[in-house]
Amino acid sequence: LPPSLITALFFHHGTIAEVKGWTLEWLATCFVGFAAATVVSSVVFGVLVDRYSARRMLLWTTVPMLAGLLCLLYGRSDAAALLYLVGLGLTTGGRHSLSGAIWAEIYGTRHLGGIRSVVHMVTALLFGISPAAFGWMIDLGIDVDAVVLAFALLLAASMVMAALATGGQSDTS
């Protein structure tokens, strides 16, 4: 879910900046924070995956994005733009570190190629659908904040479902 939501948001940053009162120059500058957070998070989560497992870290990679979406939803200041993109960057970096390990931990390595191909196919499909769906909602007159709230609720629901699927423990997803 996080990569497709991030893609949808990135495609519509012009609209988001306009609604929030941010300049496009400022929002572009905030991508330095996104990039730095992605790099730092990749390294940190790489170490944590090696120490604790990808399963245990999966839910934790989503927390910064949820915080970033809340900053986007409720923030109007320039700092909110930076915090929003840093939150997305932390999740992006964490997910990069997990992507190679999580499928092998859950399913083993025997069918790893097939599993990864299905995951990448679904991800590519969602990458194509999510920006169009967000744009369609904007065209229908749905408020950007309402869409961001829906994204945050979807993300929170996915976290709850993952926690419930593991009996409330964070060691599997």
N, C-alpha and C. Protein backbone atom coordinates (compact mmCIF):
# COMPACT_ATOMS: atom_id res chain seq x y z
N LEU A 1 0.80 -1.21 0.00
CA LEU A 1 0.00 0.00 0.00
C LEU A 1 0.85 1.28 0.00
N PRO A 2 1.89 1.39 0.82
CA PRO A 2 2.63 2.66 0.84
C PRO A 2 3.17 3.12 -0.52
N PRO A 3 3.80 2.25 -1.32
CA PRO A 3 4.34 2.77 -2.59
C PRO A 3 3.28 3.35 -3.51
N SER A 4 2.11 2.73 -3.59
CA SER A 4 1.08 3.25 -4.49
C SER A 4 0.51 4.57 -3.97
N LEU A 5 0.36 4.70 -2.66
CA LEU A 5 -0.14 5.96 -2.10
C LEU A 5 0.88 7.08 -2.30
N ILE A 6 2.15 6.76 -2.10
CA ILE A 6 3.20 7.76 -2.30
C ILE A 6 3.22 8.21 -3.76
N THR A 7 3.09 7.27 -4.69
CA THR A 7 3.07 7.62 -6.10
C THR A 7 1.91 8.56 -6.41
N ALA A 8 0.73 8.26 -5.89
CA ALA A 8 -0.43 9.12 -6.11
C ALA A 8 -0.18 10.53 -5.59
N LEU A 9 0.39 10.62 -4.39
CA LEU A 9 0.68 11.93 -3.81
C LEU A 9 1.71 12.69 -4.65
N PHE A 10 2.75 12.01 -5.09
CA PHE A 10 3.80 12.68 -5.86
C PHE A 10 3.28 13.19 -7.19
N PHE A 11 2.39 12.47 -7.81
CA PHE A 11 1.83 12.91 -9.09
C PHE A 11 1.01 14.19 -8.95
N HIS A 12 0.50 14.44 -7.77
CA HIS A 12 -0.40 15.57 -7.58
C HIS A 12 0.15 16.61 -6.61
N HIS A 13 1.47 16.73 -6.56
CA HIS A 13 2.07 17.71 -5.66
C HIS A 13 1.73 19.14 -6.03
N GLY A 14 1.50 19.41 -7.29
CA GLY A 14 1.10 20.76 -7.68
C GLY A 14 -0.20 21.17 -7.02
N THR A 15 -1.16 20.27 -7.06
CA THR A 15 -2.46 20.52 -6.44
C THR A 15 -2.33 20.59 -4.92
N ILE A 16 -1.55 19.67 -4.36
CA ILE A 16 -1.36 19.66 -2.91
C ILE A 16 -0.72 20.97 -2.46
N ALA A 17 0.32 21.41 -3.16
CA ALA A 17 1.00 22.66 -2.80
C ALA A 17 0.03 23.84 -2.87
N GLU A 18 -0.79 23.87 -3.89
CA GLU A 18 -1.75 24.95 -4.04
C GLU A 18 -2.75 24.97 -2.88
N VAL A 19 -3.28 23.81 -2.54
CA VAL A 19 -4.26 23.71 -1.47
C VAL A 19 -3.65 24.09 -0.12
N LYS A 20 -2.41 23.68 0.11
CA LYS A 20 -1.75 23.93 1.40
C LYS A 20 -1.10 25.30 1.49
N GLY A 21 -0.99 26.00 0.36
CA GLY A 21 -0.36 27.32 0.36
C GLY A 21 1.15 27.27 0.32
N TRP A 22 1.70 26.16 -0.14
CA TRP A 22 3.15 26.02 -0.27
C TRP A 22 3.56 26.37 -1.69
N THR A 23 4.75 26.93 -1.83
CA THR A 23 5.26 27.16 -3.18
C THR A 23 5.84 25.85 -3.71
N LEU A 24 5.83 25.70 -5.01
CA LEU A 24 6.42 24.51 -5.61
C LEU A 24 7.92 24.46 -5.35
N GLU A 25 8.55 25.64 -5.27
CA GLU A 25 9.99 25.68 -4.96
C GLU A 25 10.26 25.11 -3.57
N TRP A 26 9.42 25.48 -2.60
CA TRP A 26 9.59 24.95 -1.24
C TRP A 26 9.35 23.45 -1.22
N LEU A 27 8.31 23.00 -1.87
CA LEU A 27 8.01 21.58 -1.88
C LEU A 27 9.14 20.80 -2.55
N ALA A 28 9.70 21.35 -3.62
CA ALA A 28 10.83 20.70 -4.27
C ALA A 28 12.04 20.65 -3.34
N THR A 29 12.26 21.70 -2.58
CA THR A 29 13.36 21.73 -1.61
C THR A 29 13.16 20.66 -0.54
N CYS A 30 11.93 20.44 -0.15
CA CYS A 30 11.63 19.43 0.88
C CYS A 30 11.98 18.02 0.42
N PHE A 31 12.12 17.81 -0.88
CA PHE A 31 12.51 16.49 -1.37
C PHE A 31 13.93 16.13 -0.95
N VAL A 32 14.73 17.11 -0.57
CA VAL A 32 16.04 16.81 0.01
C VAL A 32 15.83 16.05 1.32
N GLY A 33 14.85 16.48 2.11
CA GLY A 33 14.50 15.77 3.35
C GLY A 33 14.00 14.37 3.06
N PHE A 34 13.18 14.23 2.01
CA PHE A 34 12.69 12.91 1.61
C PHE A 34 13.86 12.00 1.26
N ALA A 35 14.78 12.51 0.46
CA ALA A 35 15.94 11.71 0.03
C ALA A 35 16.82 11.34 1.22
N ALA A 36 17.12 12.30 2.07
CA ALA A 36 17.96 12.03 3.24
C ALA A 36 17.30 11.01 4.16
N ALA A 37 15.99 11.16 4.39
CA ALA A 37 15.27 10.23 5.24
C ALA A 37 15.25 8.83 4.63
N THR A 38 15.13 8.74 3.31
CA THR A 38 15.14 7.44 2.64
C THR A 38 16.48 6.74 2.84
N VAL A 39 17.57 7.46 2.69
CA VAL A 39 18.90 6.88 2.85
C VAL A 39 19.13 6.43 4.29
N VAL A 40 18.83 7.31 5.23
CA VAL A 40 19.05 6.98 6.65
C VAL A 40 18.18 5.79 7.05
N SER A 41 16.93 5.82 6.64
CA SER A 41 16.02 4.73 7.00
C SER A 41 16.43 3.41 6.37
N SER A 42 16.93 3.45 5.15
CA SER A 42 17.40 2.21 4.51
C SER A 42 18.50 1.56 5.33
N VAL A 43 19.43 2.37 5.78
CA VAL A 43 20.55 1.84 6.56
C VAL A 43 20.06 1.33 7.92
N VAL A 44 19.26 2.15 8.60
CA VAL A 44 18.78 1.77 9.94
C VAL A 44 17.93 0.51 9.87
N PHE A 45 16.97 0.48 8.96
CA PHE A 45 16.12 -0.70 8.86
C PHE A 45 16.88 -1.92 8.35
N GLY A 46 17.90 -1.70 7.54
CA GLY A 46 18.74 -2.84 7.12
C GLY A 46 19.37 -3.52 8.32
N VAL A 47 19.90 -2.72 9.23
CA VAL A 47 20.49 -3.27 10.46
C VAL A 47 19.42 -3.94 11.32
N LEU A 48 18.25 -3.30 11.44
CA LEU A 48 17.18 -3.86 12.25
C LEU A 48 16.62 -5.16 11.67
N VAL A 49 16.54 -5.23 10.34
CA VAL A 49 16.08 -6.47 9.70
C VAL A 49 17.06 -7.60 9.99
N ASP A 50 18.34 -7.30 9.89
CA ASP A 50 19.35 -8.33 10.19
C ASP A 50 19.28 -8.77 11.65
N ARG A 51 18.99 -7.84 12.53
CA ARG A 51 18.97 -8.17 13.95
C ARG A 51 17.66 -8.83 14.40
N TYR A 52 16.51 -8.32 13.91
CA TYR A 52 15.23 -8.77 14.43
C TYR A 52 14.37 -9.54 13.43
N SER A 53 14.50 -9.33 12.16
CA SER A 53 13.76 -9.96 11.05
C SER A 53 12.91 -8.93 10.33
N ALA A 54 12.68 -9.21 9.07
CA ALA A 54 11.84 -8.33 8.26
C ALA A 54 10.40 -8.35 8.74
N ARG A 55 9.94 -9.50 9.17
CA ARG A 55 8.56 -9.61 9.68
C ARG A 55 8.31 -8.68 10.85
N ARG A 56 9.24 -8.65 11.78
CA ARG A 56 9.07 -7.80 12.96
C ARG A 56 9.14 -6.33 12.63
N MET A 57 9.85 -5.97 11.58
CA MET A 57 10.05 -4.57 11.23
C MET A 57 8.98 -4.03 10.28
N LEU A 58 8.22 -4.90 9.64
CA LEU A 58 7.29 -4.47 8.59
C LEU A 58 6.31 -3.41 9.07
N LEU A 59 5.64 -3.64 10.18
CA LEU A 59 4.67 -2.65 10.66
C LEU A 59 5.34 -1.33 11.04
N TRP A 60 6.55 -1.42 11.56
CA TRP A 60 7.25 -0.20 11.99
C TRP A 60 7.63 0.69 10.81
N THR A 61 7.80 0.11 9.64
CA THR A 61 8.15 0.94 8.49
C THR A 61 6.99 1.82 8.06
N THR A 62 5.78 1.46 8.44
CA THR A 62 4.61 2.22 8.01
C THR A 62 4.28 3.38 8.95
N VAL A 63 4.73 3.33 10.16
CA VAL A 63 4.43 4.37 11.15
C VAL A 63 4.88 5.77 10.69
N PRO A 64 6.10 5.95 10.15
CA PRO A 64 6.48 7.30 9.73
C PRO A 64 5.61 7.86 8.61
N MET A 65 5.16 6.99 7.70
CA MET A 65 4.29 7.47 6.63
C MET A 65 2.96 7.94 7.19
N LEU A 66 2.42 7.20 8.14
CA LEU A 66 1.17 7.61 8.76
C LEU A 66 1.35 8.97 9.44
N ALA A 67 2.45 9.15 10.14
CA ALA A 67 2.74 10.45 10.77
C ALA A 67 2.89 11.54 9.70
N GLY A 68 3.56 11.23 8.61
CA GLY A 68 3.72 12.19 7.52
C GLY A 68 2.38 12.58 6.90
N LEU A 69 1.50 11.60 6.72
CA LEU A 69 0.17 11.90 6.18
C LEU A 69 -0.62 12.79 7.13
N LEU A 70 -0.48 12.57 8.43
CA LEU A 70 -1.16 13.43 9.41
C LEU A 70 -0.60 14.85 9.36
N CYS A 71 0.71 14.99 9.14
CA CYS A 71 1.30 16.32 8.96
C CYS A 71 0.74 16.99 7.71
N LEU A 72 0.59 16.22 6.64
CA LEU A 72 0.01 16.76 5.41
C LEU A 72 -1.45 17.13 5.62
N LEU A 73 -2.17 16.32 6.33
CA LEU A 73 -3.59 16.55 6.54
C LEU A 73 -3.85 17.79 7.38
N TYR A 74 -3.14 17.92 8.50
CA TYR A 74 -3.44 18.98 9.45
C TYR A 74 -2.51 20.17 9.37
N GLY A 75 -1.39 20.03 8.67
CA GLY A 75 -0.42 21.11 8.62
C GLY A 75 -0.62 22.05 7.44
N ARG A 76 -0.32 23.29 7.66
CA ARG A 76 -0.34 24.28 6.59
C ARG A 76 0.99 25.03 6.51
N SER A 77 1.81 24.87 7.53
CA SER A 77 3.08 25.60 7.57
C SER A 77 4.10 24.94 6.64
N ASP A 78 5.17 25.66 6.37
CA ASP A 78 6.25 25.10 5.56
C ASP A 78 6.87 23.88 6.25
N ALA A 79 6.94 23.91 7.57
CA ALA A 79 7.50 22.78 8.31
C ALA A 79 6.67 21.52 8.09
N ALA A 80 5.36 21.66 7.95
CA ALA A 80 4.49 20.51 7.72
C ALA A 80 4.84 19.81 6.41
N ALA A 81 5.20 20.59 5.40
CA ALA A 81 5.60 20.00 4.11
C ALA A 81 6.86 19.16 4.28
N LEU A 82 7.81 19.69 5.02
CA LEU A 82 9.05 18.96 5.26
C LEU A 82 8.78 17.69 6.07
N LEU A 83 8.01 17.80 7.14
CA LEU A 83 7.71 16.63 7.97
C LEU A 83 6.94 15.57 7.19
N TYR A 84 6.03 16.00 6.34
CA TYR A 84 5.27 15.09 5.50
C TYR A 84 6.21 14.28 4.60
N LEU A 85 7.13 14.96 3.93
CA LEU A 85 8.03 14.25 3.01
C LEU A 85 9.08 13.44 3.75
N VAL A 86 9.51 13.88 4.91
CA VAL A 86 10.45 13.08 5.70
C VAL A 86 9.76 11.78 6.16
N GLY A 87 8.51 11.88 6.58
CA GLY A 87 7.77 10.68 6.97
C GLY A 87 7.65 9.69 5.83
N LEU A 88 7.34 10.19 4.64
CA LEU A 88 7.26 9.31 3.47
C LEU A 88 8.63 8.72 3.14
N GLY A 89 9.67 9.52 3.30
CA GLY A 89 11.02 9.03 3.03
C GLY A 89 11.46 7.94 3.99
N LEU A 90 11.11 8.10 5.26
CA LEU A 90 11.45 7.07 6.24
C LEU A 90 10.78 5.74 5.91
N THR A 91 9.52 5.81 5.50
CA THR A 91 8.82 4.58 5.11
C THR A 91 9.41 4.00 3.83
N THR A 92 9.72 4.84 2.87
CA THR A 92 10.30 4.37 1.61
C THR A 92 11.61 3.64 1.86
N GLY A 93 12.49 4.23 2.66
CA GLY A 93 13.77 3.59 2.96
C GLY A 93 13.60 2.28 3.70
N GLY A 94 12.69 2.28 4.67
CA GLY A 94 12.43 1.05 5.42
C GLY A 94 11.91 -0.05 4.52
N ARG A 95 11.01 0.29 3.61
CA ARG A 95 10.46 -0.69 2.69
C ARG A 95 11.51 -1.21 1.72
N HIS A 96 12.44 -0.36 1.32
CA HIS A 96 13.53 -0.82 0.46
C HIS A 96 14.35 -1.90 1.16
N SER A 97 14.62 -1.70 2.44
CA SER A 97 15.40 -2.68 3.19
C SER A 97 14.65 -3.99 3.38
N LEU A 98 13.34 -3.91 3.53
CA LEU A 98 12.56 -5.11 3.76
C LEU A 98 12.25 -5.89 2.49
N SER A 99 12.21 -5.22 1.36
CA SER A 99 11.68 -5.85 0.14
C SER A 99 12.42 -7.12 -0.27
N GLY A 100 13.69 -7.20 -0.04
CA GLY A 100 14.42 -8.40 -0.40
C GLY A 100 14.28 -9.53 0.60
N ALA A 101 14.02 -9.18 1.84
CA ALA A 101 14.03 -10.18 2.91
C ALA A 101 12.65 -10.72 3.27
N ILE A 102 11.63 -9.91 3.14
CA ILE A 102 10.33 -10.28 3.69
C ILE A 102 9.73 -11.51 3.02
N TRP A 103 9.83 -11.59 1.71
CA TRP A 103 9.22 -12.72 1.00
C TRP A 103 9.94 -14.03 1.29
N ALA A 104 11.25 -13.95 1.40
CA ALA A 104 12.00 -15.16 1.74
C ALA A 104 11.68 -15.63 3.16
N GLU A 105 11.49 -14.68 4.08
CA GLU A 105 11.14 -15.06 5.45
C GLU A 105 9.76 -15.69 5.53
N ILE A 106 8.83 -15.15 4.78
CA ILE A 106 7.45 -15.64 4.87
C ILE A 106 7.26 -16.95 4.10
N TYR A 107 7.79 -17.00 2.88
CA TYR A 107 7.50 -18.13 2.00
C TYR A 107 8.69 -19.04 1.72
N GLY A 108 9.85 -18.69 2.19
CA GLY A 108 11.04 -19.47 1.86
C GLY A 108 11.59 -19.04 0.50
N THR A 109 12.61 -19.73 0.05
CA THR A 109 13.27 -19.32 -1.19
C THR A 109 12.93 -20.18 -2.39
N ARG A 110 12.18 -21.26 -2.19
CA ARG A 110 11.92 -22.18 -3.29
C ARG A 110 11.17 -21.52 -4.45
N HIS A 111 10.17 -20.71 -4.16
CA HIS A 111 9.37 -20.06 -5.19
C HIS A 111 9.53 -18.54 -5.16
N LEU A 112 10.68 -18.09 -4.71
CA LEU A 112 10.91 -16.66 -4.52
C LEU A 112 10.74 -15.87 -5.81
N GLY A 113 11.22 -16.40 -6.92
CA GLY A 113 11.09 -15.69 -8.20
C GLY A 113 9.64 -15.49 -8.59
N GLY A 114 8.83 -16.51 -8.45
CA GLY A 114 7.41 -16.41 -8.77
C GLY A 114 6.68 -15.45 -7.86
N ILE A 115 7.00 -15.52 -6.58
CA ILE A 115 6.36 -14.64 -5.60
C ILE A 115 6.70 -13.19 -5.91
N ARG A 116 7.97 -12.92 -6.14
CA ARG A 116 8.38 -11.55 -6.44
C ARG A 116 7.76 -11.04 -7.74
N SER A 117 7.60 -11.92 -8.73
CA SER A 117 7.00 -11.48 -9.99
C SER A 117 5.54 -11.08 -9.78
N VAL A 118 4.80 -11.83 -8.97
CA VAL A 118 3.41 -11.47 -8.69
C VAL A 118 3.35 -10.16 -7.91
N VAL A 119 4.20 -10.03 -6.92
CA VAL A 119 4.23 -8.80 -6.12
C VAL A 119 4.54 -7.60 -7.02
N HIS A 120 5.53 -7.73 -7.88
CA HIS A 120 5.89 -6.61 -8.76
C HIS A 120 4.79 -6.30 -9.77
N MET A 121 4.09 -7.31 -10.24
CA MET A 121 2.98 -7.09 -11.16
C MET A 121 1.86 -6.31 -10.48
N VAL A 122 1.48 -6.71 -9.27
CA VAL A 122 0.43 -6.01 -8.53
C VAL A 122 0.88 -4.59 -8.20
N THR A 123 2.13 -4.45 -7.80
CA THR A 123 2.66 -3.12 -7.47
C THR A 123 2.62 -2.22 -8.69
N ALA A 124 3.03 -2.72 -9.84
CA ALA A 124 3.01 -1.92 -11.07
C ALA A 124 1.58 -1.51 -11.43
N LEU A 125 0.64 -2.42 -11.24
CA LEU A 125 -0.76 -2.11 -11.50
C LEU A 125 -1.25 -0.99 -10.57
N LEU A 126 -0.91 -1.09 -9.30
CA LEU A 126 -1.31 -0.06 -8.34
C LEU A 126 -0.62 1.27 -8.62
N PHE A 127 0.64 1.22 -9.08
CA PHE A 127 1.34 2.46 -9.45
C PHE A 127 0.60 3.17 -10.58
N GLY A 128 0.02 2.42 -11.48
CA GLY A 128 -0.72 3.03 -12.58
C GLY A 128 -2.09 3.54 -12.17
N ILE A 129 -2.75 2.82 -11.29
CA ILE A 129 -4.12 3.16 -10.89
C ILE A 129 -4.17 4.31 -9.90
N SER A 130 -3.26 4.32 -8.92
CA SER A 130 -3.39 5.27 -7.81
C SER A 130 -3.32 6.75 -8.22
N PRO A 131 -2.38 7.16 -9.09
CA PRO A 131 -2.40 8.58 -9.47
C PRO A 131 -3.67 8.95 -10.25
N ALA A 132 -4.14 8.03 -11.10
CA ALA A 132 -5.35 8.31 -11.86
C ALA A 132 -6.55 8.42 -10.92
N ALA A 133 -6.63 7.53 -9.93
CA ALA A 133 -7.75 7.57 -8.98
C ALA A 133 -7.73 8.87 -8.17
N PHE A 134 -6.55 9.28 -7.73
CA PHE A 134 -6.44 10.53 -6.98
C PHE A 134 -6.87 11.70 -7.86
N GLY A 135 -6.39 11.73 -9.09
CA GLY A 135 -6.77 12.79 -10.03
C GLY A 135 -8.26 12.80 -10.32
N TRP A 136 -8.83 11.63 -10.45
CA TRP A 136 -10.27 11.51 -10.68
C TRP A 136 -11.04 12.09 -9.50
N MET A 137 -10.59 11.79 -8.29
CA MET A 137 -11.26 12.32 -7.11
C MET A 137 -11.17 13.84 -7.06
N ILE A 138 -10.01 14.37 -7.40
CA ILE A 138 -9.84 15.83 -7.44
C ILE A 138 -10.78 16.43 -8.48
N ASP A 139 -10.85 15.79 -9.66
CA ASP A 139 -11.74 16.27 -10.72
C ASP A 139 -13.20 16.24 -10.31
N LEU A 140 -13.57 15.30 -9.45
CA LEU A 140 -14.95 15.21 -8.95
C LEU A 140 -15.24 16.26 -7.87
N GLY A 141 -14.20 16.99 -7.47
CA GLY A 141 -14.38 18.03 -6.46
C GLY A 141 -14.18 17.55 -5.04
N ILE A 142 -13.64 16.35 -4.89
CA ILE A 142 -13.36 15.85 -3.55
C ILE A 142 -12.15 16.59 -3.00
N ASP A 143 -12.27 17.10 -1.80
CA ASP A 143 -11.22 17.89 -1.17
C ASP A 143 -9.94 17.06 -1.00
N VAL A 144 -8.79 17.67 -1.26
CA VAL A 144 -7.50 16.99 -1.12
C VAL A 144 -7.33 16.45 0.29
N ASP A 145 -7.74 17.22 1.29
CA ASP A 145 -7.62 16.75 2.67
C ASP A 145 -8.46 15.50 2.90
N ALA A 146 -9.61 15.41 2.26
CA ALA A 146 -10.45 14.21 2.40
C ALA A 146 -9.76 12.99 1.79
N VAL A 147 -9.07 13.19 0.68
CA VAL A 147 -8.34 12.09 0.05
C VAL A 147 -7.17 11.67 0.94
N VAL A 148 -6.45 12.65 1.48
CA VAL A 148 -5.32 12.34 2.36
C VAL A 148 -5.82 11.62 3.62
N LEU A 149 -6.94 12.05 4.16
CA LEU A 149 -7.52 11.37 5.31
C LEU A 149 -7.88 9.92 4.95
N ALA A 150 -8.45 9.73 3.78
CA ALA A 150 -8.77 8.36 3.34
C ALA A 150 -7.50 7.53 3.22
N PHE A 151 -6.43 8.12 2.68
CA PHE A 151 -5.15 7.41 2.59
C PHE A 151 -4.65 7.03 3.98
N ALA A 152 -4.73 7.96 4.92
CA ALA A 152 -4.26 7.69 6.29
C ALA A 152 -5.10 6.58 6.93
N LEU A 153 -6.40 6.62 6.71
CA LEU A 153 -7.28 5.59 7.28
C LEU A 153 -7.02 4.23 6.64
N LEU A 154 -6.79 4.20 5.32
CA LEU A 154 -6.44 2.95 4.65
C LEU A 154 -5.14 2.38 5.21
N LEU A 155 -4.17 3.25 5.38
CA LEU A 155 -2.88 2.81 5.91
C LEU A 155 -3.03 2.29 7.33
N ALA A 156 -3.76 3.01 8.16
CA ALA A 156 -3.99 2.57 9.55
C ALA A 156 -4.75 1.24 9.57
N ALA A 157 -5.75 1.10 8.72
CA ALA A 157 -6.51 -0.15 8.65
C ALA A 157 -5.62 -1.31 8.23
N SER A 158 -4.73 -1.05 7.28
CA SER A 158 -3.83 -2.13 6.84
C SER A 158 -2.88 -2.53 7.97
N MET A 159 -2.49 -1.57 8.78
CA MET A 159 -1.63 -1.88 9.92
C MET A 159 -2.39 -2.71 10.96
N VAL A 160 -3.63 -2.34 11.21
CA VAL A 160 -4.45 -3.08 12.17
C VAL A 160 -4.69 -4.50 11.68
N MET A 161 -5.02 -4.65 10.40
CA MET A 161 -5.25 -5.99 9.85
C MET A 161 -4.00 -6.85 9.95
N ALA A 162 -2.85 -6.25 9.67
CA ALA A 162 -1.60 -7.01 9.79
C ALA A 162 -1.35 -7.42 11.23
N ALA A 163 -1.61 -6.52 12.17
CA ALA A 163 -1.43 -6.85 13.58
C ALA A 163 -2.40 -7.94 14.02
N LEU A 164 -3.66 -7.85 13.58
CA LEU A 164 -4.65 -8.88 13.93
C LEU A 164 -4.29 -10.23 13.31
N ALA A 165 -3.77 -10.19 12.11
CA ALA A 165 -3.40 -11.45 11.44
C ALA A 165 -2.28 -12.17 12.17
N THR A 166 -1.53 -11.42 12.97
CA THR A 166 -0.43 -12.03 13.72
C THR A 166 -0.75 -12.20 15.19
N GLY A 167 -2.02 -12.09 15.53
CA GLY A 167 -2.40 -12.26 16.93
C GLY A 167 -2.00 -11.08 17.79
N GLY A 168 -1.87 -9.90 17.18
CA GLY A 168 -1.49 -8.71 17.92
C GLY A 168 0.00 -8.56 18.14
N GLN A 169 0.77 -9.50 17.60
CA GLN A 169 2.21 -9.41 17.75
C GLN A 169 2.79 -8.73 16.54
N SER A 170 3.91 -8.02 16.70
CA SER A 170 4.52 -7.31 15.59
C SER A 170 5.64 -8.10 14.95
N ASP A 171 5.71 -9.42 15.24
CA ASP A 171 6.81 -10.17 14.66
C ASP A 171 6.47 -10.84 13.36
N THR A 172 5.24 -10.74 12.90
CA THR A 172 4.87 -11.21 11.56
C THR A 172 3.92 -10.22 10.94
N SER A 173 3.76 -10.32 9.64
CA SER A 173 2.80 -9.43 8.98
C SER A 173 1.88 -10.27 8.20
